[in-house]
Every structure is written in structure tokens, then in C-alpha cells.
């Protein structure tokens, strides 16, 4: 081992800084029209689980049809807080959230001139 100053050795051996993994709050529409709200670090994977019958019991009576809303959050704690807020909304407010999200997604898909 080369004769290096302690601070150099400490820097070489220190673990890499942890990058906070993004968390998401999402809404899934069930076949009966109901909206399910949840959180995940990978909403596409979680939606696939809901569709396959693995995951929330919510979908036992009415299968998952579409992932209709995704919102990125800074942390799992923030995602849980946002999920709690969305779950307290009335159905009409949740539908308005989904509609606004759909408009934003459609606008993002339009090619610029």
C-alpha cells in the first residue's frame, strides 16, 4: 500500500454518497371507474403488479385498467404525505387531477413546429 495521507485514504475508502431515489404517488383506474392511490419507487412496475393481480386487494373485485396519474416526490416521506392528501380529496377533485395530468401529457406529446 502506498504511503498516502490519511485524508486521501479516507476519501478513497468512503462509501459513495447516497443519491435519493425518487418516489412517486400514482392513481390507477379500476374497471369499475374507481381510482386507487398509491406510492412506489417504480409506478410502471407497480401498475403491472396491480394488473397481474399481485398487490393491493383493492383490485380483487375490479381489475386495474390504466395508470392515469403519476407525480414525482422528493422522498418516500413526501410521497406518503402527498398520497394522504390525495386520498382525502373528493372523487370529483381526483378526476380533475387526472384530467389536468392528461392535458399536460398530451401537450408534452405534441411535436413543436
Protein backbone atom coordinates (compact mmCIF):
# COMPACT_ATOMS: atom_id res chain seq x y z
CA UNK A 1 0.00 0.00 0.00
CA UNK A 2 1.43 3.38 -0.92
CA UNK A 3 2.21 5.84 1.83
CA UNK A 4 -0.72 8.25 1.40
CA UNK A 5 -2.03 10.88 3.83
CA UNK A 6 -4.92 9.69 5.99
CA UNK A 7 -7.44 12.09 4.40
CA UNK A 8 -6.68 10.63 0.96
CA UNK A 9 -7.19 7.10 2.25
CA UNK A 10 -10.42 8.13 3.97
CA UNK A 11 -11.71 9.68 0.74
CA UNK A 12 -10.83 6.56 -1.28
CA UNK A 13 -12.49 4.22 1.22
CA UNK A 14 -15.53 6.32 1.99
CA UNK A 15 -18.79 4.98 0.61
CA UNK A 16 -20.23 6.79 -2.36
CA UNK A 17 -22.77 9.42 -1.36
CA UNK A 18 -26.30 8.10 -1.46
CA UNK A 19 -28.45 9.67 -4.14
CA UNK A 20 -32.03 9.89 -3.00
CA UNK A 21 -34.13 7.59 -5.14
CA UNK A 22 -37.27 9.27 -6.43
CA UNK A 23 -40.64 8.15 -5.15
CA UNK A 24 -43.93 8.65 -6.89
CA UNK A 25 -47.58 8.93 -5.96
CA UNK A 26 -49.87 7.47 -8.61
CA UNK A 27 -53.52 6.86 -9.43
CA UNK A 28 -54.83 3.75 -11.16
CA UNK A 29 -58.30 3.50 -12.64
CA UNK A 30 -60.12 0.24 -11.95
CA UNK A 31 -62.57 -1.38 -14.36
CA UNK A 32 -65.50 -0.10 -12.27
CA UNK A 33 -64.24 3.52 -12.63
CA UNK A 34 -62.83 3.81 -9.10
CA UNK A 35 -59.45 5.45 -8.57
CA UNK A 36 -56.77 3.78 -6.45
CA UNK A 37 -53.99 5.94 -4.98
CA UNK A 38 -50.62 4.51 -4.00
CA UNK A 39 -46.89 5.20 -3.84
CA UNK A 40 -43.94 3.42 -5.41
CA UNK A 41 -40.35 3.93 -6.47
CA UNK A 42 -41.36 2.46 -9.86
CA UNK A 43 -45.01 3.20 -10.73
CA UNK A 44 -44.91 1.31 -14.07
CA UNK A 45 -43.73 -1.87 -12.34
CA UNK A 46 -46.29 -1.42 -9.58
CA UNK A 47 -49.08 -0.92 -12.13
CA UNK A 48 -48.04 -4.16 -13.85
CA UNK A 49 -48.31 -5.89 -10.45
CA UNK A 50 -51.79 -4.46 -9.95
CA UNK A 51 -52.82 -5.70 -13.41
CA UNK A 52 -51.48 -9.19 -12.73
CA UNK A 53 -53.50 -9.50 -9.53
CA UNK A 54 -50.50 -9.09 -7.23
CA UNK A 55 -50.52 -6.12 -4.96
CA UNK A 56 -53.47 -4.28 -3.48
CA UNK A 57 -56.64 -6.16 -2.55
CA UNK A 58 -58.48 -3.14 -3.96
CA UNK A 59 -58.23 -4.72 -7.42
CA UNK A 60 -59.66 -8.13 -6.46
CA UNK A 61 -63.20 -7.02 -7.23
CA UNK A 62 -62.40 -4.74 -10.18
CA UNK A 63 -59.16 -5.15 -12.15
CA UNK A 64 -56.66 -2.34 -12.74
CA UNK A 65 -57.24 -0.77 -16.16
CA UNK A 66 -55.00 2.28 -16.56
CA UNK A 67 -52.27 4.23 -14.83
CA UNK A 68 -53.84 7.68 -15.04
CA UNK A 69 -51.66 9.92 -12.83
CA UNK A 70 -48.02 9.98 -11.71
CA UNK A 71 -46.36 12.64 -9.58
CA UNK A 72 -42.68 12.60 -8.62
CA UNK A 73 -41.85 13.33 -4.99
CA UNK A 74 -38.54 14.20 -3.34
CA UNK A 75 -38.65 11.30 -0.87
CA UNK A 76 -40.76 8.43 0.38
CA UNK A 77 -41.97 10.65 3.21
CA UNK A 78 -43.08 13.31 0.73
CA UNK A 79 -44.84 10.68 -1.38
CA UNK A 80 -46.69 9.34 1.67
CA UNK A 81 -47.74 12.87 2.60
CA UNK A 82 -48.99 13.55 -0.95
CA UNK A 83 -50.81 10.20 -1.05
CA UNK A 84 -52.60 11.05 2.19
CA UNK A 85 -53.64 14.42 0.72
CA UNK A 86 -54.95 12.87 -2.49
CA UNK A 87 -56.89 10.19 -0.59
CA UNK A 88 -58.68 12.95 1.34
CA UNK A 89 -59.91 14.59 -1.87
CA UNK A 90 -63.43 14.07 -3.14
CA UNK A 91 -63.83 11.91 -6.24
CA UNK A 92 -64.53 14.99 -8.38
CA UNK A 93 -61.25 16.60 -7.28
CA UNK A 94 -59.35 13.37 -8.06
CA UNK A 95 -60.97 13.30 -11.50
CA UNK A 96 -59.91 16.92 -12.06
CA UNK A 97 -56.35 15.97 -11.10
CA UNK A 98 -56.41 13.10 -13.61
CA UNK A 99 -57.86 15.35 -16.34
CA UNK A 100 -55.20 18.03 -15.78
CA UNK A 101 -52.48 15.37 -15.88
CA UNK A 102 -53.87 14.00 -19.16
CA UNK A 103 -53.79 17.50 -20.70
CA UNK A 104 -50.18 18.00 -19.63
CA UNK A 105 -49.21 14.60 -21.04
CA UNK A 106 -50.98 15.38 -24.33
CA UNK A 107 -49.24 18.76 -24.57
CA UNK A 108 -45.87 17.11 -23.96
CA UNK A 109 -46.54 14.65 -26.79
CA UNK A 110 -47.30 17.34 -29.38
CA UNK A 111 -44.25 17.91 -31.60
CA UNK A 112 -43.08 21.52 -31.79
CA UNK A 113 -43.30 23.31 -35.15
